[in-house]
Amino acid sequence: MNNFYVYIHRKKSNNEIFYVGKGKGKRAYETYSRNRYWTFTYKKYGRIVEILKDNLSENEAFNLEMETIKEYKKQNINLFKYIIFDLLL
């Protein structure tokens, strides 16, 4: 089933992207089960949720998430997931 999506979180204070993720259901809007960096950033700056693409298979969502992170990294956008992404390379 194509019920996955890729989303970004932006700081409400300045619209800066701080997180890229994949999910389904309400995951993009949930504030629990997040890492400390995400929680700190959310509490300090607030967040805006943007769905980049939906109606994806889990594999398509994973691939788009990784490509999006790679593209943002080229643009020097500081995301926490760089650490995780770099370990996968």
N, C-alpha and C. Protein backbone atom coordinates (compact mmCIF):
# COMPACT_ATOMS: atom_id res chain seq x y z
N MET A 1 0.84 -1.19 0.00
CA MET A 1 0.00 0.00 0.00
C MET A 1 0.88 1.25 0.00
N ASN A 2 0.43 2.27 -0.66
CA ASN A 2 1.16 3.53 -0.75
C ASN A 2 0.61 4.53 0.27
N ASN A 3 0.90 4.26 1.54
CA ASN A 3 0.38 5.14 2.59
C ASN A 3 1.49 5.86 3.35
N PHE A 4 2.68 5.92 2.78
CA PHE A 4 3.80 6.63 3.40
C PHE A 4 3.99 7.99 2.75
N TYR A 5 4.73 8.85 3.46
CA TYR A 5 5.05 10.18 2.94
C TYR A 5 6.41 10.61 3.47
N VAL A 6 6.94 11.67 2.88
CA VAL A 6 8.17 12.30 3.35
C VAL A 6 7.81 13.72 3.78
N TYR A 7 8.34 14.13 4.92
CA TYR A 7 7.99 15.43 5.48
C TYR A 7 9.24 16.14 5.98
N ILE A 8 9.08 17.46 6.15
CA ILE A 8 10.14 18.25 6.79
C ILE A 8 9.52 19.04 7.94
N HIS A 9 10.36 19.35 8.91
CA HIS A 9 9.99 20.25 10.00
C HIS A 9 10.86 21.48 9.88
N ARG A 10 10.23 22.62 9.97
CA ARG A 10 10.91 23.91 9.92
C ARG A 10 10.74 24.60 11.28
N LYS A 11 11.74 25.38 11.65
CA LYS A 11 11.62 26.19 12.86
C LYS A 11 10.57 27.27 12.60
N LYS A 12 9.63 27.37 13.49
CA LYS A 12 8.57 28.37 13.34
C LYS A 12 9.14 29.79 13.42
N SER A 13 10.23 29.93 14.16
CA SER A 13 10.81 31.26 14.39
C SER A 13 11.45 31.87 13.14
N ASN A 14 12.04 31.01 12.27
CA ASN A 14 12.75 31.56 11.10
C ASN A 14 12.59 30.73 9.82
N ASN A 15 11.72 29.73 9.86
CA ASN A 15 11.42 28.89 8.70
C ASN A 15 12.59 27.98 8.28
N GLU A 16 13.61 27.86 9.10
CA GLU A 16 14.78 27.04 8.80
C GLU A 16 14.44 25.55 8.97
N ILE A 17 14.81 24.74 8.00
CA ILE A 17 14.57 23.29 8.06
C ILE A 17 15.50 22.68 9.10
N PHE A 18 14.92 21.85 10.00
CA PHE A 18 15.77 21.17 10.97
C PHE A 18 15.57 19.66 10.99
N TYR A 19 14.59 19.14 10.24
CA TYR A 19 14.36 17.70 10.27
C TYR A 19 13.70 17.24 8.98
N VAL A 20 14.13 16.10 8.47
CA VAL A 20 13.49 15.41 7.34
C VAL A 20 13.14 14.01 7.82
N GLY A 21 11.94 13.58 7.53
CA GLY A 21 11.55 12.24 7.96
C GLY A 21 10.58 11.59 6.99
N LYS A 22 10.35 10.31 7.22
CA LYS A 22 9.32 9.58 6.50
C LYS A 22 8.34 9.05 7.53
N GLY A 23 7.11 8.88 7.11
CA GLY A 23 6.14 8.37 8.06
C GLY A 23 4.84 8.01 7.38
N LYS A 24 3.90 7.62 8.22
CA LYS A 24 2.54 7.36 7.75
C LYS A 24 1.59 7.76 8.86
N GLY A 25 0.35 7.92 8.53
CA GLY A 25 -0.61 8.36 9.53
C GLY A 25 -0.28 9.77 10.00
N LYS A 26 -0.24 9.96 11.30
CA LYS A 26 -0.02 11.29 11.90
C LYS A 26 1.44 11.52 12.31
N ARG A 27 2.38 10.68 11.90
CA ARG A 27 3.77 10.76 12.37
C ARG A 27 4.37 12.16 12.21
N ALA A 28 4.14 12.82 11.12
CA ALA A 28 4.74 14.14 10.89
C ALA A 28 4.30 15.16 11.94
N TYR A 29 3.15 14.93 12.58
CA TYR A 29 2.58 15.87 13.53
C TYR A 29 2.80 15.47 14.98
N GLU A 30 3.32 14.27 15.21
CA GLU A 30 3.54 13.77 16.57
C GLU A 30 4.77 14.42 17.19
N THR A 31 4.70 14.62 18.51
CA THR A 31 5.83 15.22 19.22
C THR A 31 6.49 14.23 20.18
N TYR A 32 5.97 13.02 20.29
CA TYR A 32 6.58 12.02 21.16
C TYR A 32 7.45 11.06 20.34
N SER A 33 8.27 10.30 21.03
CA SER A 33 9.21 9.36 20.39
C SER A 33 10.15 10.08 19.42
N ARG A 34 10.66 11.22 19.85
CA ARG A 34 11.63 11.99 19.07
C ARG A 34 12.94 12.02 19.84
N ASN A 35 14.03 12.29 19.16
CA ASN A 35 15.32 12.36 19.84
C ASN A 35 15.46 13.68 20.61
N ARG A 36 16.50 13.77 21.44
CA ARG A 36 16.69 14.96 22.28
C ARG A 36 16.91 16.23 21.46
N TYR A 37 17.67 16.11 20.37
CA TYR A 37 17.91 17.28 19.52
C TYR A 37 16.59 17.81 18.96
N TRP A 38 15.76 16.92 18.45
CA TRP A 38 14.47 17.33 17.88
C TRP A 38 13.62 18.01 18.95
N THR A 39 13.53 17.38 20.12
CA THR A 39 12.70 17.91 21.21
C THR A 39 13.19 19.28 21.66
N PHE A 40 14.50 19.44 21.80
CA PHE A 40 15.07 20.73 22.19
C PHE A 40 14.72 21.80 21.16
N THR A 41 14.91 21.48 19.88
CA THR A 41 14.65 22.44 18.81
C THR A 41 13.17 22.80 18.77
N TYR A 42 12.30 21.81 18.87
CA TYR A 42 10.85 22.04 18.85
C TYR A 42 10.42 22.94 20.01
N LYS A 43 10.92 22.65 21.21
CA LYS A 43 10.52 23.44 22.38
C LYS A 43 11.05 24.88 22.31
N LYS A 44 12.22 25.05 21.76
CA LYS A 44 12.81 26.38 21.69
C LYS A 44 12.23 27.24 20.57
N TYR A 45 12.00 26.63 19.39
CA TYR A 45 11.63 27.41 18.20
C TYR A 45 10.23 27.15 17.66
N GLY A 46 9.56 26.09 18.11
CA GLY A 46 8.30 25.70 17.50
C GLY A 46 8.58 25.00 16.18
N ARG A 47 7.54 24.61 15.46
CA ARG A 47 7.79 23.95 14.18
C ARG A 47 6.61 24.11 13.24
N ILE A 48 6.96 24.03 11.97
CA ILE A 48 5.99 24.00 10.87
C ILE A 48 6.19 22.67 10.17
N VAL A 49 5.11 21.97 9.89
CA VAL A 49 5.17 20.68 9.20
C VAL A 49 4.85 20.89 7.73
N GLU A 50 5.67 20.30 6.88
CA GLU A 50 5.44 20.36 5.43
C GLU A 50 5.58 18.95 4.86
N ILE A 51 4.53 18.47 4.22
CA ILE A 51 4.58 17.17 3.54
C ILE A 51 5.17 17.40 2.16
N LEU A 52 6.32 16.79 1.89
CA LEU A 52 6.96 16.96 0.59
C LEU A 52 6.29 16.12 -0.49
N LYS A 53 5.99 14.86 -0.15
CA LYS A 53 5.35 13.97 -1.12
C LYS A 53 4.64 12.86 -0.36
N ASP A 54 3.44 12.52 -0.80
CA ASP A 54 2.69 11.44 -0.15
C ASP A 54 2.30 10.37 -1.16
N ASN A 55 1.52 9.42 -0.71
CA ASN A 55 1.10 8.27 -1.53
C ASN A 55 2.30 7.46 -2.02
N LEU A 56 3.26 7.22 -1.13
CA LEU A 56 4.47 6.48 -1.47
C LEU A 56 4.47 5.12 -0.78
N SER A 57 5.15 4.16 -1.37
CA SER A 57 5.42 2.90 -0.67
C SER A 57 6.48 3.20 0.39
N GLU A 58 6.67 2.29 1.32
CA GLU A 58 7.68 2.53 2.35
C GLU A 58 9.07 2.66 1.73
N ASN A 59 9.36 1.83 0.75
CA ASN A 59 10.66 1.89 0.07
C ASN A 59 10.84 3.21 -0.68
N GLU A 60 9.81 3.66 -1.38
CA GLU A 60 9.89 4.95 -2.07
C GLU A 60 10.10 6.09 -1.09
N ALA A 61 9.41 6.03 0.05
CA ALA A 61 9.55 7.07 1.06
C ALA A 61 10.96 7.08 1.64
N PHE A 62 11.50 5.91 1.92
CA PHE A 62 12.85 5.82 2.45
C PHE A 62 13.85 6.42 1.45
N ASN A 63 13.72 6.04 0.18
CA ASN A 63 14.65 6.55 -0.84
C ASN A 63 14.52 8.07 -1.00
N LEU A 64 13.30 8.59 -1.01
CA LEU A 64 13.11 10.03 -1.13
C LEU A 64 13.65 10.75 0.10
N GLU A 65 13.45 10.19 1.27
CA GLU A 65 13.99 10.78 2.50
C GLU A 65 15.51 10.90 2.40
N MET A 66 16.18 9.84 1.99
CA MET A 66 17.64 9.84 1.88
C MET A 66 18.12 10.84 0.81
N GLU A 67 17.42 10.89 -0.32
CA GLU A 67 17.79 11.84 -1.38
C GLU A 67 17.58 13.28 -0.92
N THR A 68 16.51 13.52 -0.19
CA THR A 68 16.24 14.86 0.32
C THR A 68 17.31 15.29 1.30
N ILE A 69 17.69 14.40 2.19
CA ILE A 69 18.75 14.70 3.16
C ILE A 69 20.05 14.98 2.42
N LYS A 70 20.35 14.15 1.43
CA LYS A 70 21.59 14.35 0.65
C LYS A 70 21.58 15.72 -0.03
N GLU A 71 20.44 16.11 -0.60
CA GLU A 71 20.34 17.40 -1.29
C GLU A 71 20.49 18.56 -0.31
N TYR A 72 19.84 18.47 0.85
CA TYR A 72 19.96 19.53 1.85
C TYR A 72 21.39 19.61 2.37
N LYS A 73 22.04 18.49 2.49
CA LYS A 73 23.43 18.48 2.95
C LYS A 73 24.32 19.23 1.95
N LYS A 74 24.09 19.04 0.65
CA LYS A 74 24.85 19.76 -0.37
C LYS A 74 24.64 21.28 -0.24
N GLN A 75 23.46 21.67 0.23
CA GLN A 75 23.12 23.09 0.39
C GLN A 75 23.55 23.62 1.76
N ASN A 76 24.27 22.79 2.52
CA ASN A 76 24.74 23.16 3.86
C ASN A 76 23.61 23.48 4.83
N ILE A 77 22.48 22.80 4.67
CA ILE A 77 21.39 22.93 5.62
C ILE A 77 21.66 21.94 6.75
N ASN A 78 21.73 22.43 7.97
CA ASN A 78 22.14 21.64 9.12
C ASN A 78 20.97 20.80 9.66
N LEU A 79 21.00 19.51 9.39
CA LEU A 79 19.98 18.59 9.88
C LEU A 79 20.60 17.60 10.84
N PHE A 80 19.87 17.22 11.85
CA PHE A 80 20.36 16.21 12.78
C PHE A 80 20.57 14.88 12.08
N LYS A 81 19.74 14.55 11.11
CA LYS A 81 19.82 13.25 10.45
C LYS A 81 21.10 13.06 9.65
N TYR A 82 21.90 14.11 9.45
CA TYR A 82 23.18 13.93 8.75
C TYR A 82 24.00 12.84 9.42
N ILE A 83 24.02 12.85 10.74
CA ILE A 83 24.83 11.88 11.49
C ILE A 83 24.38 10.48 11.13
N ILE A 84 23.09 10.23 11.17
CA ILE A 84 22.55 8.91 10.85
C ILE A 84 22.80 8.58 9.38
N PHE A 85 22.53 9.54 8.50
CA PHE A 85 22.69 9.33 7.06
C PHE A 85 24.14 8.99 6.73
N ASP A 86 25.10 9.71 7.32
CA ASP A 86 26.51 9.45 7.05
C ASP A 86 26.90 8.05 7.48
N LEU A 87 26.29 7.53 8.51
CA LEU A 87 26.60 6.16 8.95
C LEU A 87 26.09 5.12 7.95
N LEU A 88 25.06 5.47 7.19
CA LEU A 88 24.49 4.54 6.21
C LEU A 88 25.30 4.49 4.92
N LEU A 89 26.12 5.49 4.67
CA LEU A 89 26.91 5.54 3.43
C LEU A 89 28.09 4.61 3.46
